[in-house]
Amino acid sequence: MLRVKYENLNYVIVIIERAKIMNNLKVSQAQLKYLLYIKDSKKFQTITSLSRYFNCSKSNSKKIVDRLIAIGLIYKFKNDIIFTQIGERFIDEFVSCRDRLIIVLSSGMSLDHEKAKKIADTILINKIEELNLKFLETYEKLEIFKDSIEKTFSYKILEDKLGEGEYNVNLVILKKDEVDNSSIVTSTAMECCSSTAKLIIAKSSTINIKVKPVVKTLNDIVEKGFLRSINYEVDNKNYNNIISESKCILPLNILNNWFYSGSGILQAAVIVEMLVNVNFYKNHIEKVVMLFTLDLFKI
């Protein structure tokens, strides 16, 4: 599972205390809206200004304000409404959660800041807990890789950041053009492999790929193709991986250059030679690029 590292025990205690505050205080949706507006406006508010903003009567605004005073989140100094120490901590935690949701919504759904903010407010104010937790889990994943944006890093760093577990990755196999050294079109070898592979982070980390036979009919002749081996290079040494009929297991160290785009997408590629056996007597060798994609929003 993904590792969330804390600097020290004090930080954990602070998080726990904040959670207690959020959970123990019974604040209605209307009261949350008032607190959030007071915080976001960055200036003192009065019952008159609140009733004007929320388009309601002063008596209605006064009831909401009086309730917030009663539970100790705000107080009045003359006509100005001011956060108490507990109220400040409460709304700061709320805003902190919202800011994390905004990052996830902006990155994962390509929303502009204002739209993401509006959706984040809706999730938190309406206390949609399952959705909130899901987004916050995604935020933690993004945070783990934030220092690697637009950078390449080794498989060892990937192991350390992800932690032990199984992760789905997408696989695309491209032909390798030896003339201009660039990937061009999807390889026929792709038909022998599933487009979804498993990244296994363990003591000896691997990429597990499901292998399947390819059946084609040409001029009424049925041909079957099987992926038999993959040749690859690690640290200037050549290796030949013999494939079973259902699974290909490759060591993770063949993918030593991972790149994080900053939008939740990690990618790594490797050039290999694939040997496909056709009808048990013809061998087809093809140099290809195996491109693996790990989507942090889907793990």
Protein backbone atom coordinates (compact mmCIF):
# COMPACT_ATOMS: atom_id res chain seq x y z
CA MET A 1 0.00 0.00 0.00
CA LEU A 2 1.05 3.62 -0.44
CA ARG A 3 3.20 4.95 2.34
CA VAL A 4 2.30 8.21 4.06
CA LYS A 5 5.34 9.40 5.97
CA TYR A 6 5.04 11.80 8.90
CA GLU A 7 7.92 13.89 10.17
CA ASN A 8 7.29 13.05 13.81
CA LEU A 9 4.74 11.91 16.37
CA ASN A 10 3.68 15.48 17.18
CA TYR A 11 2.38 15.90 13.64
CA VAL A 12 0.24 12.78 14.00
CA ILE A 13 -1.17 14.07 17.30
CA VAL A 14 -2.10 17.38 15.66
CA ILE A 15 -3.92 15.54 12.85
CA ILE A 16 -5.83 13.42 15.40
CA GLU A 17 -6.83 16.48 17.42
CA ARG A 18 -8.03 18.23 14.28
CA ALA A 19 -10.11 15.20 13.36
CA LYS A 20 -11.71 15.25 16.82
CA ILE A 21 -12.66 18.89 16.40
CA MET A 22 -14.19 18.25 12.97
CA ASN A 23 -16.14 15.21 14.19
CA ASN A 24 -17.35 16.44 17.58
CA LEU A 25 -18.72 19.84 16.62
CA LYS A 26 -22.27 19.59 15.29
CA VAL A 27 -22.37 22.21 12.57
CA SER A 28 -25.21 22.40 10.05
CA GLN A 29 -24.80 23.04 6.33
CA ALA A 30 -26.07 26.61 6.69
CA GLN A 31 -23.64 27.26 9.55
CA LEU A 32 -20.75 25.84 7.50
CA LYS A 33 -21.64 28.17 4.64
CA TYR A 34 -21.54 31.13 7.02
CA LEU A 35 -18.19 30.11 8.49
CA LEU A 36 -16.70 29.55 5.06
CA TYR A 37 -17.89 32.89 3.74
CA ILE A 38 -16.55 34.71 6.80
CA LYS A 39 -13.18 33.00 6.27
CA ASP A 40 -13.01 33.51 2.51
CA SER A 41 -14.10 37.14 2.61
CA LYS A 42 -10.94 38.01 4.58
CA LYS A 43 -12.69 40.89 6.33
CA PHE A 44 -14.97 41.36 9.29
CA GLN A 45 -18.61 40.50 8.68
CA THR A 46 -21.75 41.62 10.48
CA ILE A 47 -25.23 40.14 10.68
CA THR A 48 -26.33 42.78 8.18
CA SER A 49 -23.61 41.92 5.63
CA LEU A 50 -24.25 38.18 6.05
CA SER A 51 -28.00 38.54 5.51
CA ARG A 52 -27.28 40.63 2.42
CA TYR A 53 -24.85 38.06 0.98
CA PHE A 54 -27.08 35.04 1.67
CA ASN A 55 -30.21 36.93 0.64
CA CYS A 56 -32.11 36.20 3.83
CA SER A 57 -33.63 38.17 6.70
CA LYS A 58 -31.49 39.61 9.49
CA SER A 59 -33.42 37.51 12.00
CA ASN A 60 -32.49 34.33 10.14
CA SER A 61 -28.82 35.33 9.97
CA LYS A 62 -28.91 36.23 13.66
CA LYS A 63 -30.18 32.73 14.56
CA ILE A 64 -27.32 31.10 12.66
CA VAL A 65 -24.74 33.46 14.18
CA ASP A 66 -26.15 32.96 17.69
CA ARG A 67 -25.86 29.18 17.29
CA LEU A 68 -22.23 29.49 16.16
CA ILE A 69 -21.53 31.70 19.18
CA ALA A 70 -23.22 29.16 21.46
CA ILE A 71 -20.98 26.30 20.30
CA GLY A 72 -17.90 28.47 20.65
CA LEU A 73 -16.77 28.96 17.06
CA ILE A 74 -17.25 32.73 16.79
CA TYR A 75 -17.89 35.75 18.98
CA LYS A 76 -19.03 39.32 18.40
CA PHE A 77 -16.94 42.38 19.12
CA LYS A 78 -19.27 45.34 18.76
CA ASN A 79 -20.94 44.36 15.45
CA ASP A 80 -18.03 42.44 13.97
CA ILE A 81 -18.06 38.63 13.89
CA ILE A 82 -14.69 37.10 14.82
CA PHE A 83 -13.47 33.50 15.02
CA THR A 84 -12.58 32.06 18.41
CA GLN A 85 -9.39 30.02 18.67
CA ILE A 86 -11.38 26.79 18.29
CA GLY A 87 -13.39 28.31 15.45
CA GLU A 88 -10.19 29.33 13.67
CA ARG A 89 -8.81 25.81 13.97
CA PHE A 90 -12.09 24.33 12.78
CA ILE A 91 -12.40 26.48 9.66
CA ASP A 92 -8.68 26.19 8.89
CA GLU A 93 -9.02 22.40 8.84
CA PHE A 94 -12.08 22.73 6.63
CA VAL A 95 -10.22 25.01 4.20
CA SER A 96 -7.19 22.69 4.28
CA CYS A 97 -9.42 19.76 3.25
CA ARG A 98 -11.01 21.91 0.56
CA ASP A 99 -7.63 22.95 -0.83
CA ARG A 100 -6.60 19.31 -1.12
CA LEU A 101 -9.84 18.48 -2.91
CA ILE A 102 -9.29 21.39 -5.29
CA ILE A 103 -5.87 20.02 -6.25
CA VAL A 104 -7.34 16.58 -7.00
CA LEU A 105 -10.32 17.97 -8.92
CA SER A 106 -8.13 20.36 -10.92
CA SER A 107 -5.61 17.65 -11.82
CA GLY A 108 -7.94 14.71 -12.31
CA MET A 109 -10.91 16.43 -13.95
CA SER A 110 -9.14 19.34 -15.67
CA LEU A 111 -11.38 21.87 -13.92
CA ASP A 112 -10.44 25.50 -13.45
CA HIS A 113 -9.84 26.66 -9.89
CA GLU A 114 -13.25 28.26 -9.31
CA LYS A 115 -15.23 25.25 -10.55
CA ALA A 116 -13.06 22.89 -8.51
CA LYS A 117 -13.55 25.11 -5.46
CA LYS A 118 -17.34 25.09 -5.89
CA ILE A 119 -17.44 21.28 -6.15
CA ALA A 120 -15.09 20.91 -3.17
CA ASP A 121 -17.33 23.18 -1.09
CA THR A 122 -20.37 21.10 -2.07
CA ILE A 123 -18.68 17.84 -1.08
CA LEU A 124 -17.58 19.17 2.31
CA ILE A 125 -20.64 21.25 3.19
CA ASN A 126 -22.99 18.39 2.32
CA LYS A 127 -20.71 16.01 4.22
CA ILE A 128 -20.40 13.48 1.41
CA GLU A 129 -17.94 11.46 3.47
CA GLU A 130 -17.20 8.59 1.07
CA LEU A 131 -16.45 10.95 -1.80
CA ASN A 132 -14.42 13.22 0.45
CA LEU A 133 -12.28 10.34 1.72
CA LYS A 134 -11.74 9.05 -1.82
CA PHE A 135 -10.50 12.44 -2.99
CA LEU A 136 -8.28 12.89 0.05
CA GLU A 137 -6.74 9.45 -0.51
CA THR A 138 -5.98 10.51 -4.07
CA TYR A 139 -4.49 13.76 -2.79
CA GLU A 140 -2.10 11.80 -0.57
CA LYS A 141 -0.95 9.80 -3.58
CA LEU A 142 -0.31 12.98 -5.56
CA GLU A 143 1.53 14.53 -2.61
CA ILE A 144 3.93 11.58 -2.44
CA PHE A 145 5.11 12.32 -5.99
CA LYS A 146 4.93 16.13 -5.92
CA ASP A 147 8.73 16.45 -5.67
CA SER A 148 9.09 14.39 -8.87
CA ILE A 149 6.97 16.52 -11.23
CA GLU A 150 8.55 16.77 -14.69
CA LYS A 151 11.44 14.59 -13.53
CA THR A 152 12.72 11.10 -14.19
CA PHE A 153 13.49 8.75 -11.33
CA SER A 154 14.59 5.15 -10.83
CA TYR A 155 12.47 2.10 -10.11
CA LYS A 156 13.97 2.09 -6.59
CA ILE A 157 12.39 5.48 -5.88
CA LEU A 158 9.11 4.21 -7.33
CA GLU A 159 9.24 1.23 -4.95
CA ASP A 160 9.93 3.49 -1.99
CA LYS A 161 7.12 5.92 -2.80
CA LEU A 162 4.45 3.33 -3.59
CA GLY A 163 5.30 0.74 -0.95
CA GLU A 164 4.53 -2.97 -1.16
CA GLY A 165 1.40 -3.97 -3.03
CA GLU A 166 -0.17 -4.64 -6.42
CA TYR A 167 -0.91 -1.82 -8.84
CA ASN A 168 -2.65 -1.89 -12.21
CA VAL A 169 -0.67 -0.43 -15.10
CA ASN A 170 -1.62 0.04 -18.73
CA LEU A 171 0.60 -1.44 -21.43
CA VAL A 172 1.05 -0.37 -25.03
CA ILE A 173 3.56 -2.09 -27.32
CA LEU A 174 4.92 0.01 -30.18
CA LYS A 175 7.08 -0.93 -33.15
CA LYS A 176 10.61 0.34 -33.01
CA ASP A 177 11.83 2.02 -36.17
CA GLU A 178 15.56 1.37 -36.32
CA VAL A 179 16.12 4.02 -38.99
CA ASP A 180 15.09 7.14 -37.08
CA ASN A 181 15.02 5.47 -33.66
CA SER A 182 11.44 6.47 -32.94
CA SER A 183 8.27 4.61 -31.99
CA ILE A 184 5.75 4.57 -34.82
CA VAL A 185 2.70 2.29 -34.78
CA THR A 186 1.23 -0.30 -32.45
CA SER A 187 3.07 -3.59 -32.76
CA THR A 188 1.40 -6.87 -33.73
CA ALA A 189 3.05 -8.25 -30.60
CA MET A 190 0.49 -6.18 -28.68
CA GLU A 191 -2.12 -8.74 -29.70
CA CYS A 192 -0.24 -11.36 -27.67
CA CYS A 193 -0.39 -9.32 -24.46
CA SER A 194 -3.15 -7.92 -22.30
CA SER A 195 -3.34 -4.12 -22.25
CA THR A 196 -3.48 -4.22 -18.43
CA ALA A 197 -0.52 -5.48 -16.43
CA LYS A 198 0.24 -5.81 -12.72
CA LEU A 199 3.04 -3.90 -11.03
CA ILE A 200 4.05 -5.98 -8.00
CA ILE A 201 6.10 -4.08 -5.43
CA ALA A 202 7.78 -6.63 -3.18
CA LYS A 203 11.24 -7.84 -2.15
CA SER A 204 11.82 -8.68 -5.82
CA SER A 205 9.50 -6.34 -7.71
CA THR A 206 8.07 -7.42 -11.04
CA ILE A 207 5.78 -6.47 -13.90
CA ASN A 208 3.30 -9.29 -14.58
CA ILE A 209 1.73 -9.39 -18.03
CA LYS A 210 -1.02 -11.74 -19.16
CA VAL A 211 -0.13 -13.49 -22.41
CA LYS A 212 -2.70 -14.78 -24.87
CA PRO A 213 -2.57 -16.63 -28.20
CA VAL A 214 -3.33 -14.71 -31.37
CA VAL A 215 -5.58 -16.45 -33.90
CA LYS A 216 -5.80 -15.16 -37.47
CA THR A 217 -7.37 -16.53 -40.62
CA LEU A 218 -5.62 -15.79 -43.91
CA ASN A 219 -6.86 -17.35 -47.17
CA ASP A 220 -8.90 -19.86 -45.17
CA ILE A 221 -5.78 -20.87 -43.27
CA VAL A 222 -5.94 -20.49 -39.50
CA GLU A 223 -2.71 -19.31 -37.92
CA LYS A 224 -1.98 -19.19 -34.20
CA GLY A 225 0.73 -17.04 -32.70
CA PHE A 226 2.27 -17.35 -29.24
CA LEU A 227 4.68 -15.04 -27.48
CA ARG A 228 7.62 -17.27 -26.59
CA SER A 229 10.35 -15.01 -25.25
CA ILE A 230 11.39 -11.45 -24.53
CA ASN A 231 15.01 -10.36 -24.77
CA TYR A 232 16.02 -7.26 -22.83
CA GLU A 233 19.08 -5.51 -21.47
CA VAL A 234 19.85 -4.39 -17.91
CA ASP A 235 23.16 -2.76 -16.96
CA ASN A 236 24.67 -3.73 -20.32
CA LYS A 237 23.80 -7.40 -19.80
CA ASN A 238 21.40 -9.29 -22.05
CA TYR A 239 18.64 -11.47 -20.63
CA ASN A 240 16.22 -13.87 -22.29
CA ASN A 241 12.88 -14.29 -20.54
CA ILE A 242 11.10 -17.49 -21.59
CA ILE A 243 7.33 -17.02 -21.56
CA SER A 244 4.72 -19.48 -20.37
CA GLU A 245 1.48 -19.66 -22.33
CA SER A 246 -0.42 -17.48 -19.86
CA LYS A 247 1.96 -15.12 -18.09
CA CYS A 248 5.07 -13.05 -18.66
CA ILE A 249 6.97 -11.92 -15.56
CA LEU A 250 9.58 -9.22 -16.03
CA PRO A 251 11.82 -7.72 -13.33
CA LEU A 252 10.93 -4.14 -12.47
CA ASN A 253 14.55 -3.05 -12.88
CA ILE A 254 14.13 -3.09 -16.67
CA LEU A 255 12.11 0.10 -16.14
CA ASN A 256 14.73 2.29 -14.54
CA ASN A 257 13.55 5.64 -15.88
CA TRP A 258 10.09 6.64 -14.69
CA PHE A 259 8.64 10.02 -15.57
CA TYR A 260 5.90 11.87 -13.68
CA SER A 261 3.95 14.44 -15.69
CA GLY A 262 2.42 16.08 -12.63
CA SER A 263 -1.16 15.14 -13.52
CA GLY A 264 -1.24 11.79 -11.75
CA ILE A 265 0.35 9.90 -14.66
CA LEU A 266 3.64 7.99 -14.31
CA GLN A 267 5.24 6.36 -17.35
CA ALA A 268 8.24 4.22 -18.17
CA ALA A 269 9.36 2.51 -21.37
CA VAL A 270 11.83 -0.17 -22.37
CA ILE A 271 13.08 -1.48 -25.72
CA VAL A 272 12.94 -5.27 -26.03
CA GLU A 273 12.97 -7.99 -28.66
CA MET A 274 9.90 -10.20 -28.76
CA LEU A 275 9.86 -13.65 -30.32
CA VAL A 276 6.43 -14.78 -31.52
CA ASN A 277 6.06 -18.39 -32.62
CA VAL A 278 3.50 -18.86 -35.43
CA ASN A 279 1.89 -22.29 -35.91
CA PHE A 280 4.75 -23.84 -33.91
CA TYR A 281 7.21 -23.71 -36.81
CA LYS A 282 7.67 -20.06 -37.84
CA ASN A 283 9.41 -17.56 -35.58
CA HIS A 284 8.82 -13.82 -35.88
CA ILE A 285 11.27 -11.55 -34.03
CA GLU A 286 10.32 -7.92 -33.54
CA LYS A 287 12.05 -5.06 -31.75
CA VAL A 288 9.43 -3.09 -29.83
CA VAL A 289 8.93 -0.42 -27.20
CA MET A 290 6.91 -1.49 -24.16
CA LEU A 291 5.28 1.61 -22.67
CA PHE A 292 3.83 1.27 -19.16
CA THR A 293 1.47 3.85 -17.64
CA LEU A 294 0.50 4.07 -13.97
CA ASP A 295 -2.50 6.32 -13.20
CA LEU A 296 -2.46 7.50 -9.58
CA PHE A 297 -6.16 8.33 -9.82
CA LYS A 298 -6.96 4.65 -10.37
CA ILE A 299 -4.93 2.91 -7.68
